[in-house]
Amino acid sequence: MNSLPNRILKHREIWLAAAIALLVGLIAMRFPAFARLGNLLTVFNDTSILIILALGQMVVILTRSIDLSMASNLAFTGMLVAMTNAAFPAIPVPVLILTAMFVGAALGAFNGILVWKLGIPPIVVTLGTLTVFRGATFVLSGGAWVNADRMSPAFIALQRSAFLGLPILSWFAICAIALFYVIMTRTPFGRSVYAVGVNPTASVYAGIDVGRTKFLAFCISGLVAGLCGYLWVSRYVIASTEVANGYELSIIAACVIGGVSIAGGLGSVAGAVLGALFLGIIGSALPVVNVSPFWQMAISGGAIILAVVLNARGERRQGRIILKKAAAA
């Protein structure tokens, strides 16, 4: 029987939380204000969009897939709702948010159909739609930008309001974390996602529709990207074809650092959230200590490589345990 310390060491989330606490502590030694509650809440708010996107990507990765088009989906839906708001400022903001989520889910469903019905590898599908969605954003806008002066006050004001002392954007992230936790731990769909990632063949014999599960995972990632399309545009008050360009790498990095295995079937909501927070703290803290942007990229890349190595070692160790149990039986 494993002791409590050994069980703790097996949880990547605990290690990552400790690393985040250590990072904050080291920075606070030089800049004590960084560790204040108000500043940490600001960091969480600044990382909220990445947290929400990482949760959507996590569901896809758990099924042994990947969605490289989330940032392009975000750019398209953000441009769509920004242009709609500029043309029809009387449309309520909740309607625009629902529109962004619906369009984002439709784009995700397009990815899912190609993976499910045509059997095209997810990385190939989403690498193609990454460019297609980004090009569609340019066609939709004609290459023009939508700036703050064309957006209605209500469109911009929602995120700048607060509830119980927290910005609304932070509440979006908190609600997303709670919702994904329930979905992944308390619903048949969540169990199916993990089963498909662990062993697709066995999942078929268990009565799970592997293709449909992957399709729904892409729908979720698309819906999340659509929501973040509005959140991004209203937060930074600009919509352009360059919005979130290359951000898909940060989304995947947050998942990998959080212990979500690229091989599928292994990962958690807490891990994805902590991975995003780790990147958010690095992005917020390193400029404070005068670390150059190039070293920031190197540190982030090193963290990703270390996370992949740890994931690979954990999966090999798990595989050996399974083989030993099989041999004993």
Protein backbone atom coordinates (compact mmCIF):
# COMPACT_ATOMS: atom_id res chain seq x y z
CA MET A 1 0.00 0.00 0.00
CA ASN A 2 1.40 3.38 -1.01
CA SER A 3 2.17 5.88 1.72
CA LEU A 4 0.65 9.36 1.69
CA PRO A 5 3.91 11.04 0.50
CA ASN A 6 4.21 8.59 -2.41
CA ARG A 7 0.62 9.22 -3.43
CA ILE A 8 1.22 12.97 -3.31
CA LEU A 9 4.32 12.70 -5.51
CA LYS A 10 2.27 10.97 -8.22
CA HIS A 11 -0.04 13.97 -8.64
CA ARG A 12 1.37 16.38 -11.20
CA GLU A 13 -1.08 19.05 -10.07
CA ILE A 14 0.52 19.21 -6.62
CA TRP A 15 4.01 19.51 -8.13
CA LEU A 16 2.83 22.25 -10.48
CA ALA A 17 1.06 24.15 -7.71
CA ALA A 18 4.26 23.97 -5.65
CA ALA A 19 6.29 25.24 -8.62
CA ILE A 20 3.90 28.17 -9.06
CA ALA A 21 4.10 29.01 -5.35
CA LEU A 22 7.91 28.82 -5.49
CA LEU A 23 7.99 31.06 -8.58
CA VAL A 24 5.76 33.64 -6.91
CA GLY A 25 7.89 33.46 -3.75
CA LEU A 26 11.14 34.01 -5.64
CA ILE A 27 9.73 37.03 -7.45
CA ALA A 28 8.27 38.40 -4.22
CA MET A 29 11.73 38.34 -2.66
CA ARG A 30 12.70 41.11 -5.05
CA PHE A 31 9.30 42.71 -5.64
CA PRO A 32 7.08 42.05 -2.60
CA ALA A 33 4.09 43.73 -4.24
CA PHE A 34 3.87 40.91 -6.79
CA ALA A 35 2.66 38.42 -4.17
CA ARG A 36 -0.13 40.65 -2.89
CA LEU A 37 -3.62 39.26 -3.27
CA GLY A 38 -4.78 42.10 -5.49
CA ASN A 39 -1.91 41.57 -7.93
CA LEU A 40 -2.39 37.78 -7.99
CA LEU A 41 -6.09 38.31 -8.78
CA THR A 42 -5.04 40.60 -11.61
CA VAL A 43 -2.75 37.88 -12.96
CA PHE A 44 -5.64 35.41 -12.78
CA ASN A 45 -7.87 37.84 -14.64
CA ASP A 46 -5.22 38.41 -17.31
CA THR A 47 -4.88 34.62 -17.73
CA SER A 48 -8.63 33.92 -17.79
CA ILE A 49 -8.94 33.67 -21.57
CA LEU A 50 -6.01 31.25 -21.76
CA ILE A 51 -7.56 29.16 -18.97
CA ILE A 52 -10.87 28.85 -20.82
CA LEU A 53 -9.17 27.96 -24.10
CA ALA A 54 -6.91 25.40 -22.40
CA LEU A 55 -9.96 23.65 -20.95
CA GLY A 56 -11.48 23.31 -24.42
CA GLN A 57 -8.20 22.06 -25.86
CA MET A 58 -7.83 19.59 -22.98
CA VAL A 59 -11.03 17.77 -23.96
CA VAL A 60 -9.77 17.35 -27.54
CA ILE A 61 -6.29 16.20 -26.50
CA LEU A 62 -7.72 13.62 -24.10
CA THR A 63 -9.32 11.88 -27.10
CA ARG A 64 -5.90 11.54 -28.80
CA SER A 65 -6.66 14.51 -31.05
CA ILE A 66 -5.54 18.13 -31.24
CA ASP A 67 -7.14 21.39 -32.36
CA LEU A 68 -4.68 23.80 -33.94
CA SER A 69 -7.46 26.06 -35.21
CA MET A 70 -8.75 27.45 -31.90
CA ALA A 71 -6.93 30.79 -32.19
CA SER A 72 -8.13 31.25 -35.78
CA ASN A 73 -11.66 30.34 -34.70
CA LEU A 74 -11.32 32.98 -31.97
CA ALA A 75 -10.20 35.59 -34.50
CA PHE A 76 -13.10 34.85 -36.87
CA THR A 77 -15.83 34.85 -34.23
CA GLY A 78 -14.35 37.94 -32.59
CA MET A 79 -14.36 39.79 -35.89
CA LEU A 80 -17.91 38.63 -36.62
CA VAL A 81 -19.40 39.89 -33.36
CA ALA A 82 -17.35 43.12 -33.48
CA MET A 83 -18.61 43.92 -36.98
CA THR A 84 -22.16 42.98 -36.00
CA ASN A 85 -21.94 45.27 -32.98
CA ALA A 86 -20.56 48.10 -35.10
CA ALA A 87 -23.37 47.74 -37.64
CA PHE A 88 -26.20 47.05 -35.16
CA PRO A 89 -25.23 48.51 -31.76
CA ALA A 90 -28.75 47.92 -30.39
CA ILE A 91 -28.29 44.13 -30.36
CA PRO A 92 -27.91 43.04 -26.70
CA VAL A 93 -24.46 41.82 -25.68
CA PRO A 94 -25.76 38.43 -24.42
CA VAL A 95 -27.14 37.78 -27.92
CA LEU A 96 -23.73 38.56 -29.42
CA ILE A 97 -22.05 36.23 -26.95
CA LEU A 98 -24.45 33.39 -27.82
CA THR A 99 -23.89 34.11 -31.53
CA ALA A 100 -20.12 33.87 -31.07
CA MET A 101 -20.49 30.58 -29.20
CA PHE A 102 -22.84 29.14 -31.84
CA VAL A 103 -20.58 30.12 -34.75
CA GLY A 104 -17.50 28.85 -32.91
CA ALA A 105 -19.23 25.53 -32.22
CA ALA A 106 -20.19 25.28 -35.90
CA LEU A 107 -16.55 25.76 -36.92
CA GLY A 108 -15.52 23.15 -34.37
CA ALA A 109 -18.20 20.80 -35.71
CA PHE A 110 -16.69 21.23 -39.19
CA ASN A 111 -13.37 19.98 -37.82
CA GLY A 112 -15.13 17.15 -36.04
CA ILE A 113 -17.02 16.00 -39.13
CA LEU A 114 -13.80 15.78 -41.15
CA VAL A 115 -12.15 13.75 -38.39
CA TRP A 116 -15.19 11.55 -37.70
CA LYS A 117 -16.68 10.84 -41.10
CA LEU A 118 -13.64 11.11 -43.38
CA GLY A 119 -11.08 9.70 -40.97
CA ILE A 120 -8.57 12.49 -41.63
CA PRO A 121 -5.95 12.87 -38.87
CA PRO A 122 -6.92 15.74 -36.53
CA ILE A 123 -3.57 17.49 -36.86
CA VAL A 124 -3.99 17.61 -40.65
CA VAL A 125 -7.60 18.81 -40.46
CA THR A 126 -6.96 21.58 -37.95
CA LEU A 127 -3.71 22.66 -39.60
CA GLY A 128 -5.79 23.25 -42.73
CA THR A 129 -8.71 24.95 -41.00
CA LEU A 130 -6.25 27.12 -39.06
CA THR A 131 -5.45 28.81 -42.36
CA VAL A 132 -9.02 28.62 -43.69
CA PHE A 133 -10.55 30.34 -40.64
CA ARG A 134 -7.83 33.00 -40.60
CA GLY A 135 -8.40 33.64 -44.31
CA ALA A 136 -12.16 33.80 -43.74
CA THR A 137 -11.53 36.50 -41.14
CA PHE A 138 -9.70 38.55 -43.75
CA VAL A 139 -12.48 38.04 -46.31
CA LEU A 140 -15.16 38.96 -43.76
CA SER A 141 -13.45 42.18 -42.75
CA GLY A 142 -11.76 43.05 -46.02
CA GLY A 143 -8.55 43.42 -44.05
CA ALA A 144 -9.98 46.29 -41.99
CA TRP A 145 -9.87 46.63 -38.23
CA VAL A 146 -12.74 47.26 -35.85
CA ASN A 147 -11.53 49.67 -33.18
CA ALA A 148 -13.00 50.88 -29.89
CA ASP A 149 -14.64 53.91 -31.50
CA ARG A 150 -16.87 51.60 -33.56
CA MET A 151 -17.87 49.38 -30.64
CA SER A 152 -20.86 50.21 -28.46
CA PRO A 153 -20.25 51.14 -24.80
CA ALA A 154 -22.18 48.05 -23.64
CA PHE A 155 -20.01 45.78 -25.81
CA ILE A 156 -16.89 47.04 -24.06
CA ALA A 157 -18.29 47.66 -20.59
CA LEU A 158 -19.33 44.11 -19.66
CA GLN A 159 -15.80 42.92 -18.91
CA ARG A 160 -14.94 46.12 -17.10
CA SER A 161 -17.66 45.59 -14.54
CA ALA A 162 -17.13 43.56 -11.37
CA PHE A 163 -19.08 41.19 -9.16
CA LEU A 164 -18.15 40.50 -5.53
CA GLY A 165 -14.89 42.34 -6.10
CA LEU A 166 -13.80 40.23 -9.10
CA PRO A 167 -13.90 41.34 -12.75
CA ILE A 168 -16.54 39.66 -14.90
CA LEU A 169 -13.80 38.06 -17.02
CA SER A 170 -12.53 36.22 -13.95
CA TRP A 171 -16.06 34.97 -13.30
CA PHE A 172 -16.24 33.63 -16.86
CA ALA A 173 -13.10 31.61 -16.10
CA ILE A 174 -14.37 30.42 -12.71
CA CYS A 175 -17.67 29.28 -14.21
CA ALA A 176 -15.83 27.51 -17.04
CA ILE A 177 -13.59 25.68 -14.54
CA ALA A 178 -16.59 24.53 -12.51
CA LEU A 179 -18.54 23.46 -15.61
CA PHE A 180 -15.66 21.50 -17.12
CA TYR A 181 -14.97 19.82 -13.79
CA VAL A 182 -18.55 18.58 -13.64
CA ILE A 183 -18.52 17.47 -17.28
CA MET A 184 -15.25 15.58 -17.04
CA THR A 185 -15.84 13.91 -13.67
CA ARG A 186 -19.60 13.53 -13.32
CA THR A 187 -21.02 12.79 -16.78
CA PRO A 188 -20.95 9.79 -19.16
CA PHE A 189 -19.41 12.02 -21.83
CA GLY A 190 -16.45 12.84 -19.59
CA ARG A 191 -15.86 9.17 -18.87
CA SER A 192 -16.13 8.41 -22.59
CA VAL A 193 -13.48 11.03 -23.38
CA TYR A 194 -11.00 9.41 -21.01
CA ALA A 195 -11.89 5.90 -22.24
CA VAL A 196 -11.34 6.86 -25.89
CA GLY A 197 -7.96 8.37 -25.01
CA VAL A 198 -6.82 5.35 -23.01
CA ASN A 199 -7.88 2.68 -25.52
CA PRO A 200 -10.08 3.47 -28.55
CA THR A 201 -10.44 -0.20 -29.51
CA ALA A 202 -11.61 -1.29 -26.08
CA SER A 203 -13.97 1.72 -26.03
CA VAL A 204 -15.75 0.36 -29.09
CA TYR A 205 -16.34 -2.97 -27.34
CA ALA A 206 -17.63 -1.05 -24.33
CA GLY A 207 -20.30 0.54 -26.53
CA ILE A 208 -18.67 3.97 -26.87
CA ASP A 209 -18.91 5.69 -30.26
CA VAL A 210 -15.31 6.87 -30.66
CA GLY A 211 -15.97 9.04 -33.70
CA ARG A 212 -18.96 10.75 -32.11
CA THR A 213 -17.00 11.40 -28.91
CA LYS A 214 -14.21 13.08 -30.87
CA PHE A 215 -16.80 15.07 -32.84
CA LEU A 216 -18.36 16.40 -29.63
CA ALA A 217 -14.91 17.23 -28.26
CA PHE A 218 -14.22 19.41 -31.31
CA CYS A 219 -17.64 21.04 -30.91
CA ILE A 220 -16.73 21.95 -27.33
CA SER A 221 -13.35 23.37 -28.31
CA GLY A 222 -15.03 25.41 -31.05
CA LEU A 223 -17.71 26.71 -28.68
CA VAL A 224 -15.02 27.73 -26.19
CA ALA A 225 -13.05 29.49 -28.94
CA GLY A 226 -16.19 31.34 -30.00
CA LEU A 227 -16.84 32.55 -26.46
CA CYS A 228 -13.23 33.71 -26.19
CA GLY A 229 -13.62 35.51 -29.51
CA TYR A 230 -15.98 37.95 -27.82
CA LEU A 231 -13.96 38.04 -24.59
CA TRP A 232 -10.71 38.83 -26.42
CA VAL A 233 -12.15 41.53 -28.70
CA SER A 234 -14.10 43.28 -25.94
CA ARG A 235 -11.13 43.15 -23.57
CA TYR A 236 -8.53 44.53 -25.97
CA VAL A 237 -11.10 46.62 -27.90
CA ILE A 238 -9.76 45.68 -31.30
CA ALA A 239 -10.68 43.08 -33.89
CA SER A 240 -8.30 42.27 -36.73
CA THR A 241 -7.03 39.38 -38.79
CA GLU A 242 -3.95 39.23 -36.54
CA VAL A 243 -5.86 38.71 -33.30
CA ALA A 244 -4.42 35.78 -31.30
CA ASN A 245 -2.03 34.93 -34.13
CA GLY A 246 0.13 32.02 -32.94
CA TYR A 247 -1.82 31.76 -29.67
CA GLU A 248 -2.64 28.12 -30.37
CA LEU A 249 0.88 27.27 -29.21
CA SER A 250 0.25 28.86 -25.81
CA ILE A 251 -3.04 26.95 -25.50
CA ILE A 252 -1.38 23.60 -26.18
CA ALA A 253 1.57 24.50 -23.95
CA ALA A 254 -0.78 25.20 -21.03
CA CYS A 255 -2.29 21.74 -21.43
CA VAL A 256 1.06 19.97 -21.73
CA ILE A 257 2.58 21.79 -18.76
CA GLY A 258 -0.53 20.89 -16.79
CA GLY A 259 0.06 17.18 -17.36
CA VAL A 260 -2.44 16.59 -20.18
CA SER A 261 -0.83 13.83 -22.22
CA ILE A 262 -0.58 14.35 -25.97
CA ALA A 263 -1.08 10.58 -26.25
CA GLY A 264 -4.56 11.02 -24.77
CA GLY A 265 -6.43 9.66 -21.78
CA LEU A 266 -4.39 11.41 -19.09
CA GLY A 267 -5.03 14.87 -17.69
CA SER A 268 -7.34 16.90 -15.49
CA VAL A 269 -9.16 20.20 -15.29
CA ALA A 270 -6.96 21.28 -12.38
CA GLY A 271 -3.83 20.48 -14.40
CA ALA A 272 -4.95 22.52 -17.43
CA VAL A 273 -5.83 25.49 -15.19
CA LEU A 274 -2.51 25.33 -13.35
CA GLY A 275 -0.62 25.04 -16.65
CA ALA A 276 -2.31 28.20 -17.92
CA LEU A 277 -1.61 30.01 -14.64
CA PHE A 278 2.05 28.97 -14.80
CA LEU A 279 2.38 30.57 -18.23
CA GLY A 280 0.39 33.59 -17.07
CA ILE A 281 2.66 34.14 -14.08
CA ILE A 282 5.76 33.79 -16.24
CA GLY A 283 4.33 36.30 -18.71
CA SER A 284 3.49 38.74 -15.92
CA ALA A 285 6.52 38.27 -13.68
CA LEU A 286 9.51 38.04 -15.97
CA PRO A 287 9.11 41.56 -17.41
CA VAL A 288 8.92 42.84 -13.81
CA VAL A 289 12.37 41.40 -13.09
CA ASN A 290 13.72 42.80 -16.37
CA VAL A 291 14.06 39.47 -18.15
CA SER A 292 14.23 39.98 -21.91
CA PRO A 293 11.41 38.65 -24.12
CA PHE A 294 13.84 36.17 -25.68
CA TRP A 295 14.65 34.62 -22.30
CA GLN A 296 10.93 34.55 -21.52
CA MET A 297 10.37 32.45 -24.63
CA ALA A 298 13.31 30.20 -23.69
CA ILE A 299 11.98 29.67 -20.17
CA SER A 300 8.50 28.88 -21.45
CA GLY A 301 9.94 26.47 -24.01
CA GLY A 302 12.09 24.78 -21.38
CA ALA A 303 9.03 24.31 -19.17
CA ILE A 304 7.19 22.68 -22.07
CA ILE A 305 10.06 20.28 -22.81
CA LEU A 306 10.36 19.35 -19.13
CA ALA A 307 6.60 18.72 -18.97
CA VAL A 308 6.70 16.47 -22.04
CA VAL A 309 9.59 14.47 -20.54
CA LEU A 310 7.72 14.05 -17.26
CA ASN A 311 4.57 13.00 -19.11
CA ALA A 312 6.50 10.44 -21.17
CA ARG A 313 8.19 8.96 -18.08
CA GLY A 314 4.87 8.74 -16.28
CA GLU A 315 3.22 6.97 -19.22
CA ARG A 316 6.08 4.45 -19.52
CA ARG A 317 5.92 3.74 -15.80
CA GLN A 318 2.15 3.25 -16.01
CA GLY A 319 2.62 0.91 -18.98
CA ARG A 320 5.13 -1.23 -17.05
CA ILE A 321 2.71 -1.51 -14.13
CA ILE A 322 -0.05 -2.71 -16.47
CA LEU A 323 2.29 -5.31 -18.03
CA LYS A 324 3.36 -6.60 -14.60
CA LYS A 325 -0.26 -6.96 -13.54
CA ALA A 326 -1.06 -8.81 -16.76
CA ALA A 327 1.90 -11.15 -16.29
CA ALA A 328 0.90 -11.85 -12.70
CA ALA A 329 -2.64 -12.67 -13.78
